[in-house]
C-alpha atoms as a PDB file:
ATOM      1  CA  MET A   1      94.559  30.634 108.580  1.00  0.00           C
ATOM      2  CA  THR A   2      97.355  28.144 108.732  1.00  0.00           C
ATOM      3  CA  GLU A   3      98.417  26.165 105.349  1.00  0.00           C
ATOM      4  CA  SER A   4      97.544  22.972 106.956  1.00  0.00           C
ATOM      5  CA  ALA A   5      93.732  23.791 107.407  1.00  0.00           C
ATOM      6  CA  ALA A   6      91.306  22.418 104.754  1.00  0.00           C
ATOM      7  CA  ILE A   7      88.129  24.438 106.651  1.00  0.00           C
ATOM      8  CA  LYS A   8      88.043  27.722 109.356  1.00  0.00           C
ATOM      9  CA  THR A   9      85.240  29.273 110.581  1.00  0.00           C
ATOM     10  CA  THR A  10      85.104  32.545 113.274  1.00  0.00           C
ATOM     11  CA  GLY A  11      81.644  33.042 115.000  1.00  0.00           C
ATOM     12  CA  LEU A  12      79.821  30.961 112.210  1.00  0.00           C
ATOM     13  CA  THR A  13      76.121  31.291 112.826  1.00  0.00           C
ATOM     14  CA  LYS A  14      72.712  30.081 110.798  1.00  0.00           C
ATOM     15  CA  VAL A  15      69.426  30.890 111.534  1.00  0.00           C
ATOM     16  CA  TYR A  16      66.577  30.155 109.661  1.00  0.00           C
ATOM     17  CA  GLY A  17      63.839  31.864 109.593  1.00  0.00           C
ATOM     18  CA  GLU A  18      62.495  35.244 111.134  1.00  0.00           C
ATOM     19  CA  GLY A  19      60.970  36.480 114.399  1.00  0.00           C
ATOM     20  CA  GLU A  20      59.394  34.191 117.151  1.00  0.00           C
ATOM     21  CA  THR A  21      59.554  31.108 114.981  1.00  0.00           C
ATOM     22  CA  ALA A  22      63.161  31.776 113.693  1.00  0.00           C
ATOM     23  CA  VAL A  23      65.529  28.678 114.298  1.00  0.00           C
ATOM     24  CA  ARG A  24      69.485  29.239 115.019  1.00  0.00           C
ATOM     25  CA  ALA A  25      70.829  26.558 114.053  1.00  0.00           C
ATOM     26  CA  LEU A  26      74.662  26.817 114.475  1.00  0.00           C
ATOM     27  CA  ARG A  27      75.804  29.490 116.959  1.00  0.00           C
ATOM     28  CA  ASN A  28      78.839  31.338 116.642  1.00  0.00           C
ATOM     29  CA  VAL A  29      80.975  27.857 115.774  1.00  0.00           C
ATOM     30  CA  ASP A  30      85.007  28.452 115.563  1.00  0.00           C
ATOM     31  CA  LEU A  31      86.524  25.345 113.887  1.00  0.00           C
ATOM     32  CA  GLU A  32      89.365  24.554 112.116  1.00  0.00           C
ATOM     33  CA  ILE A  33      90.427  21.336 110.820  1.00  0.00           C
ATOM     34  CA  PRO A  34      93.237  20.410 108.606  1.00  0.00           C
ATOM     35  CA  TYR A  35      93.980  18.823 105.190  1.00  0.00           C
ATOM     36  CA  GLY A  36      94.393  15.024 105.457  1.00  0.00           C
ATOM     37  CA  GLU A  37      92.145  14.345 107.834  1.00  0.00           C
ATOM     38  CA  PHE A  38      88.930  11.842 108.373  1.00  0.00           C
ATOM     39  CA  VAL A  39      86.656  13.626 110.487  1.00  0.00           C
ATOM     40  CA  VAL A  40      83.748  12.856 111.814  1.00  0.00           C
ATOM     41  CA  ILE A  41      80.953  15.906 113.405  1.00  0.00           C
ATOM     42  CA  LEU A  42      78.813  14.168 116.037  1.00  0.00           C
ATOM     43  CA  GLY A  43      75.824  15.199 117.278  1.00  0.00           C
ATOM     44  CA  PRO A  44      71.720  14.288 117.751  1.00  0.00           C
ATOM     45  CA  SER A  45      69.372  15.132 114.984  1.00  0.00           C
ATOM     46  CA  GLY A  46      68.686  19.064 115.406  1.00  0.00           C
ATOM     47  CA  SER A  47      72.235  19.653 116.601  1.00  0.00           C
ATOM     48  CA  GLY A  48      73.366  21.208 113.522  1.00  0.00           C
ATOM     49  CA  LYS A  49      75.247  18.711 111.752  1.00  0.00           C
ATOM     50  CA  THR A  50      74.152  19.370 108.466  1.00  0.00           C
ATOM     51  CA  ALA A  51      73.992  22.925 108.463  1.00  0.00           C
ATOM     52  CA  LEU A  52      77.100  22.952 109.096  1.00  0.00           C
ATOM     53  CA  LEU A  53      77.858  20.365 106.030  1.00  0.00           C
ATOM     54  CA  ASN A  54      75.729  22.793 103.795  1.00  0.00           C
ATOM     55  CA  GLN A  55      77.701  25.663 105.176  1.00  0.00           C
ATOM     56  CA  ILE A  56      81.062  24.327 103.963  1.00  0.00           C
ATOM     57  CA  GLY A  57      79.833  23.099 101.246  1.00  0.00           C
ATOM     58  CA  ALA A  58      78.691  26.442  99.839  1.00  0.00           C
ATOM     59  CA  LEU A  59      75.237  25.144  99.659  1.00  0.00           C
ATOM     60  CA  GLU A  60      73.481  28.165 101.850  1.00  0.00           C
ATOM     61  CA  GLU A  61      75.071  31.209 103.125  1.00  0.00           C
ATOM     62  CA  PRO A  62      75.633  32.208 106.969  1.00  0.00           C
ATOM     63  CA  THR A  63      73.710  34.722 108.432  1.00  0.00           C
ATOM     64  CA  SER A  64      77.108  35.565 110.524  1.00  0.00           C
ATOM     65  CA  GLY A  65      80.642  34.992 110.884  1.00  0.00           C
ATOM     66  CA  SER A  66      83.358  33.831 108.409  1.00  0.00           C
ATOM     67  CA  ILE A  67      84.156  30.716 107.024  1.00  0.00           C
ATOM     68  CA  ILE A  68      87.362  29.537 104.943  1.00  0.00           C
ATOM     69  CA  ALA A  69      86.920  25.981 102.764  1.00  0.00           C
ATOM     70  CA  ALA A  70      89.540  25.090 100.563  1.00  0.00           C
ATOM     71  CA  GLY A  71      91.367  28.264 100.602  1.00  0.00           C
ATOM     72  CA  VAL A  72      88.119  30.112  99.707  1.00  0.00           C
ATOM     73  CA  GLU A  73      86.006  33.157 102.221  1.00  0.00           C
ATOM     74  CA  LEU A  74      82.772  32.001 101.257  1.00  0.00           C
ATOM     75  CA  ALA A  75      80.845  34.170 103.620  1.00  0.00           C
ATOM     76  CA  GLY A  76      79.438  36.735 101.024  1.00  0.00           C
ATOM     77  CA  LEU A  77      80.050  35.237  98.411  1.00  0.00           C
ATOM     78  CA  ASP A  78      77.316  35.185  95.329  1.00  0.00           C
ATOM     79  CA  GLU A  79      76.025  32.557  93.584  1.00  0.00           C
ATOM     80  CA  ALA A  80      78.673  31.989  91.018  1.00  0.00           C
ATOM     81  CA  GLY A  81      81.100  32.314  93.459  1.00  0.00           C
ATOM     82  CA  ARG A  82      79.094  29.699  95.441  1.00  0.00           C
ATOM     83  CA  THR A  83      78.818  27.414  92.276  1.00  0.00           C
ATOM     84  CA  ASN A  84      82.342  28.041  91.473  1.00  0.00           C
ATOM     85  CA  HIS A  85      83.578  26.571  94.377  1.00  0.00           C
ATOM     86  CA  ARG A  86      80.730  23.248  94.640  1.00  0.00           C
ATOM     87  CA  LEU A  87      82.367  22.398  91.151  1.00  0.00           C
ATOM     88  CA  ASN A  88      86.274  22.968  92.107  1.00  0.00           C
ATOM     89  CA  SER A  89      86.652  22.376  95.752  1.00  0.00           C
ATOM     90  CA  VAL A  90      83.895  19.697  97.402  1.00  0.00           C
ATOM     91  CA  GLY A  91      82.375  16.326  96.549  1.00  0.00           C
ATOM     92  CA  PHE A  92      79.578  15.644  98.119  1.00  0.00           C
ATOM     93  CA  VAL A  93      78.470  11.826  99.707  1.00  0.00           C
ATOM     94  CA  PHE A  94      74.821  11.563 100.875  1.00  0.00           C
ATOM     95  CA  GLN A  95      72.961   8.982 102.739  1.00  0.00           C
ATOM     96  CA  PHE A  96      70.079   8.296 100.483  1.00  0.00           C
ATOM     97  CA  TYR A  97      72.549   8.222  97.744  1.00  0.00           C
ATOM     98  CA  ASN A  98      70.804  11.009  94.860  1.00  0.00           C
ATOM     99  CA  LEU A  99      71.481   8.559  91.922  1.00  0.00           C
ATOM    100  CA  VAL A 100      70.144   9.619  88.551  1.00  0.00           C
ATOM    101  CA  PRO A 101      68.138   5.948  87.916  1.00  0.00           C
ATOM    102  CA  THR A 102      67.664   6.485  83.852  1.00  0.00           C
ATOM    103  CA  LEU A 103      71.201   6.969  83.755  1.00  0.00           C
ATOM    104  CA  THR A 104      73.701   3.987  84.167  1.00  0.00           C
ATOM    105  CA  ALA A 105      76.421   3.954  86.845  1.00  0.00           C
ATOM    106  CA  GLU A 106      79.229   5.120  84.433  1.00  0.00           C
ATOM    107  CA  GLU A 107      76.755   7.656  83.201  1.00  0.00           C
ATOM    108  CA  ASN A 108      76.039   9.055  86.455  1.00  0.00           C
ATOM    109  CA  VAL A 109      79.718   9.613  87.572  1.00  0.00           C
ATOM    110  CA  ALA A 110      80.594  10.657  84.379  1.00  0.00           C
ATOM    111  CA  LEU A 111      77.916  13.341  84.382  1.00  0.00           C
ATOM    112  CA  ILE A 112      79.663  15.057  87.600  1.00  0.00           C
ATOM    113  CA  ALA A 113      82.943  14.585  85.536  1.00  0.00           C
ATOM    114  CA  GLU A 114      81.891  16.280  82.881  1.00  0.00           C
ATOM    115  CA  LEU A 115      81.867  19.503  84.998  1.00  0.00           C
ATOM    116  CA  THR A 116      85.833  19.566  84.892  1.00  0.00           C
ATOM    117  CA  ASP A 117      88.290  19.270  82.344  1.00  0.00           C
ATOM    118  CA  GLY A 118      89.927  15.644  81.410  1.00  0.00           C
ATOM    119  CA  ASP A 119      88.867  12.375  79.536  1.00  0.00           C
ATOM    120  CA  THR A 120      85.197  11.947  81.363  1.00  0.00           C
ATOM    121  CA  GLU A 121      84.717   8.583  80.466  1.00  0.00           C
ATOM    122  CA  GLN A 122      88.072   7.444  80.988  1.00  0.00           C
ATOM    123  CA  ARG A 123      87.484   9.246  84.588  1.00  0.00           C
ATOM    124  CA  ALA A 124      84.561   7.695  85.590  1.00  0.00           C
ATOM    125  CA  ALA A 125      85.187   3.886  84.548  1.00  0.00           C
ATOM    126  CA  ARG A 126      88.581   3.998  86.917  1.00  0.00           C
ATOM    127  CA  VAL A 127      87.091   5.835  90.173  1.00  0.00           C
ATOM    128  CA  LEU A 128      84.681   3.274  89.630  1.00  0.00           C
ATOM    129  CA  ALA A 129      87.085   0.634  89.885  1.00  0.00           C
ATOM    130  CA  GLU A 130      88.994   2.266  92.627  1.00  0.00           C
ATOM    131  CA  VAL A 131      85.718   1.555  94.260  1.00  0.00           C
ATOM    132  CA  GLY A 132      85.226  -1.764  93.896  1.00  0.00           C
ATOM    133  CA  LEU A 133      82.367  -1.245  90.523  1.00  0.00           C
ATOM    134  CA  GLY A 134      84.722  -1.985  87.518  1.00  0.00           C
ATOM    135  CA  GLY A 135      82.718  -4.516  86.458  1.00  0.00           C
ATOM    136  CA  ARG A 136      79.360  -2.463  87.190  1.00  0.00           C
ATOM    137  CA  GLY A 137      79.332   0.617  85.092  1.00  0.00           C
ATOM    138  CA  SER A 138      76.952  -0.467  82.893  1.00  0.00           C
ATOM    139  CA  HIS A 139      74.086  -1.290  85.595  1.00  0.00           C
ATOM    140  CA  PHE A 140      71.449   1.193  86.068  1.00  0.00           C
ATOM    141  CA  PRO A 141      70.974   2.079  90.032  1.00  0.00           C
ATOM    142  CA  GLY A 142      67.990   0.254  90.370  1.00  0.00           C
ATOM    143  CA  GLN A 143      69.926  -2.891  89.792  1.00  0.00           C
ATOM    144  CA  LEU A 144      72.628  -1.973  92.232  1.00  0.00           C
ATOM    145  CA  SER A 145      72.402  -2.937  95.703  1.00  0.00           C
ATOM    146  CA  GLY A 146      72.194  -0.538  98.335  1.00  0.00           C
ATOM    147  CA  GLY A 147      76.076  -0.676  98.791  1.00  0.00           C
ATOM    148  CA  GLU A 148      76.614  -0.605  95.579  1.00  0.00           C
ATOM    149  CA  GLN A 149      74.584   2.285  94.884  1.00  0.00           C
ATOM    150  CA  GLN A 150      76.417   4.002  97.830  1.00  0.00           C
ATOM    151  CA  ARG A 151      79.925   3.017  96.107  1.00  0.00           C
ATOM    152  CA  VAL A 152      78.566   5.096  93.052  1.00  0.00           C
ATOM    153  CA  SER A 153      77.702   7.672  94.768  1.00  0.00           C
ATOM    154  CA  ILE A 154      81.438   8.106  96.556  1.00  0.00           C
ATOM    155  CA  ALA A 155      82.988   7.973  93.207  1.00  0.00           C
ATOM    156  CA  ARG A 156      80.665  10.618  91.745  1.00  0.00           C
ATOM    157  CA  GLY A 157      81.920  12.523  94.723  1.00  0.00           C
ATOM    158  CA  LEU A 158      85.583  11.759  94.028  1.00  0.00           C
ATOM    159  CA  VAL A 159      85.577  11.810  90.518  1.00  0.00           C
ATOM    160  CA  LYS A 160      86.487  15.502  90.514  1.00  0.00           C
ATOM    161  CA  ASN A 161      89.495  14.992  92.940  1.00  0.00           C
ATOM    162  CA  PRO A 162      88.229  17.726  95.039  1.00  0.00           C
ATOM    163  CA  PRO A 163      90.343  18.814  98.682  1.00  0.00           C
ATOM    164  CA  LEU A 164      87.047  18.305 100.362  1.00  0.00           C
ATOM    165  CA  LEU A 165      84.815  15.376 100.749  1.00  0.00           C
ATOM    166  CA  LEU A 166      81.522  16.485 102.197  1.00  0.00           C
ATOM    167  CA  CYS A 167      79.387  12.855 103.791  1.00  0.00           C
ATOM    168  CA  ASP A 168      75.803  13.459 105.487  1.00  0.00           C
ATOM    169  CA  GLU A 169      74.763   9.925 106.982  1.00  0.00           C
ATOM    170  CA  PRO A 170      76.650   8.062 104.449  1.00  0.00           C
ATOM    171  CA  THR A 171      75.693   4.401 105.828  1.00  0.00           C
ATOM    172  CA  GLY A 172      72.857   5.193 107.240  1.00  0.00           C
ATOM    173  CA  ALA A 173      70.803   3.448 104.477  1.00  0.00           C
ATOM    174  CA  LEU A 174      72.875   0.187 104.959  1.00  0.00           C
ATOM    175  CA  ASP A 175      73.506  -3.042 106.922  1.00  0.00           C
ATOM    176  CA  THR A 176      76.400  -3.558 109.093  1.00  0.00           C
ATOM    177  CA  ASP A 177      78.773  -5.398 106.510  1.00  0.00           C
ATOM    178  CA  MET A 178      77.818  -2.424 103.634  1.00  0.00           C
ATOM    179  CA  GLY A 179      78.244  -0.229 106.202  1.00  0.00           C
ATOM    180  CA  THR A 180      81.919  -0.885 107.369  1.00  0.00           C
ATOM    181  CA  GLN A 181      83.039  -1.532 103.180  1.00  0.00           C
ATOM    182  CA  ILE A 182      81.969   2.442 102.764  1.00  0.00           C
ATOM    183  CA  LEU A 183      83.282   3.475 105.652  1.00  0.00           C
ATOM    184  CA  GLN A 184      86.676   1.665 104.630  1.00  0.00           C
ATOM    185  CA  LEU A 185      86.648   3.373 101.195  1.00  0.00           C
ATOM    186  CA  LEU A 186      85.599   7.061 102.922  1.00  0.00           C
ATOM    187  CA  LYS A 187      88.891   6.804 105.049  1.00  0.00           C
ATOM    188  CA  ASP A 188      90.870   5.503 102.273  1.00  0.00           C
ATOM    189  CA  ALA A 189      89.717   8.852 100.603  1.00  0.00           C
ATOM    190  CA  THR A 190      92.269  10.667 102.931  1.00  0.00           C
ATOM    191  CA  ALA A 191      95.082   8.877 101.370  1.00  0.00           C
ATOM    192  CA  ASP A 192      95.678  11.761  99.384  1.00  0.00           C
ATOM    193  CA  SER A 193      97.171  13.690 102.114  1.00  0.00           C
ATOM    194  CA  HIS A 194      95.654  16.907 100.800  1.00  0.00           C
ATOM    195  CA  ARG A 195      92.048  15.496 101.115  1.00  0.00           C
ATOM    196  CA  THR A 196      89.961  16.482 104.037  1.00  0.00           C
ATOM    197  CA  VAL A 197      86.919  14.023 104.563  1.00  0.00           C
ATOM    198  CA  LEU A 198      84.337  15.258 107.002  1.00  0.00           C
ATOM    199  CA  THR A 199      81.463  13.253 108.068  1.00  0.00           C
ATOM    200  CA  VAL A 200      78.318  13.810 109.937  1.00  0.00           C
ATOM    201  CA  THR A 201      76.523  11.135 111.807  1.00  0.00           C
ATOM    202  CA  HIS A 202      74.649  10.393 115.025  1.00  0.00           C
ATOM    203  CA  ASN A 203      76.759   7.380 115.670  1.00  0.00           C
ATOM    204  CA  THR A 204      79.418   6.969 118.564  1.00  0.00           C
ATOM    205  CA  VAL A 205      80.591   3.704 116.958  1.00  0.00           C
ATOM    206  CA  ILE A 206      81.549   5.557 113.166  1.00  0.00           C
ATOM    207  CA  ALA A 207      83.315   8.462 115.391  1.00  0.00           C
ATOM    208  CA  LYS A 208      86.095   5.764 116.763  1.00  0.00           C
ATOM    209  CA  MET A 209      87.547   6.004 113.601  1.00  0.00           C
ATOM    210  CA  ALA A 210      87.915   9.017 113.102  1.00  0.00           C
ATOM    211  CA  GLU A 211      91.000  11.294 113.094  1.00  0.00           C
ATOM    212  CA  ARG A 212      89.250  14.241 114.604  1.00  0.00           C
ATOM    213  CA  VAL A 213      85.989  13.900 116.637  1.00  0.00           C
ATOM    214  CA  ILE A 214      83.553  17.463 116.604  1.00  0.00           C
ATOM    215  CA  GLU A 215      80.673  17.317 118.821  1.00  0.00           C
ATOM    216  CA  LEU A 216      77.789  19.507 118.236  1.00  0.00           C
ATOM    217  CA  ARG A 217      74.621  20.488 120.525  1.00  0.00           C
ATOM    218  CA  ASP A 218      72.142  22.840 119.838  1.00  0.00           C
ATOM    219  CA  GLY A 219      74.660  24.419 116.940  1.00  0.00           C
ATOM    220  CA  GLU A 220      77.619  24.562 119.600  1.00  0.00           C
ATOM    221  CA  ILE A 221      80.657  22.895 119.465  1.00  0.00           C
ATOM    222  CA  VAL A 222      80.851  21.077 122.894  1.00  0.00           C
ATOM    223  CA  GLY A 223      83.532  19.031 122.402  1.00  0.00           C
ATOM    224  CA  GLU A 224      86.716  18.116 120.580  1.00  0.00           C
ATOM    225  CA  ARG A 225      89.215  15.667 120.372  1.00  0.00           C
ATOM    226  CA  VAL A 226      91.993  14.152 118.198  1.00  0.00           C
ATOM    227  CA  ASN A 227      92.126  10.828 118.328  1.00  0.00           C
ATOM    228  CA  PRO A 228      95.582   8.810 117.705  1.00  0.00           C
ATOM    229  CA  SER A 229      94.964   5.431 117.405  1.00  0.00           C
ATOM    230  CA  PRO A 230      91.866   5.534 114.839  1.00  0.00           C
ATOM    231  CA  ALA A 231      89.716   2.396 114.831  1.00  0.00           C
ATOM    232  CA  ASP A 232      90.079   0.422 111.325  1.00  0.00           C
ATOM    233  CA  PRO A 233      86.418   0.071 110.169  1.00  0.00           C
ATOM    234  CA  SER A 234      86.626  -3.851 109.560  1.00  0.00           C
ATOM    235  CA  ASP A 235      87.310  -3.705 114.376  1.00  0.00           C
ATOM    236  CA  LEU A 236      84.233  -1.780 114.839  1.00  0.00           C
ATOM    237  CA  THR A 237      81.466  -3.310 116.887  1.00  0.00           C
ATOM    238  CA  TRP A 238      77.561  -1.970 115.376  1.00  0.00           C
END
């Protein structure tokens, strides 16, 4: 692997189930993504996007092949090793926020910050301010709009300062204006040149703002392109 590679897979295959009912979600995927890019994995439902994200985030084990993410060889890790990878190297942002409803915004972020060293409350407050929620930390998820809840989710993903931020359809539950703001936040997260933001989506419009677009179909990479002039999120026509 080159030093600039945040993610590298070789022959990555993921099969769910066995026999006649087996589903081959990923088929010999070879992929290399450098640090510091905003990358979109583009494909329709069932193309293998989420399966690939789950492999990179060590949420699942590959059936075969190798995968290196943030300098860690994931294939063959035991559960403790996968947990350690998620703890130290990966932040997650999901479509439906996954916030704890009985905790405030700041407490939701602090819950993740507690997993790593440092002043938990100060870090939670700082990252909430960075995503534009400096005055909303005491609010519960039910008191926040969908866009605000997704901002909390992004803050939670960034509070560990991970080299990889993995996002699964992060604007899928939002309207156009909120979606644009969320995309800008995610794009800004690559300002740290050592962080790669990987977003899976079926939306071809979002792909226009990516520095790299990887297209998946039926578990295989069918196209990859580097965009020398990514669109600004505010210029996208949804």
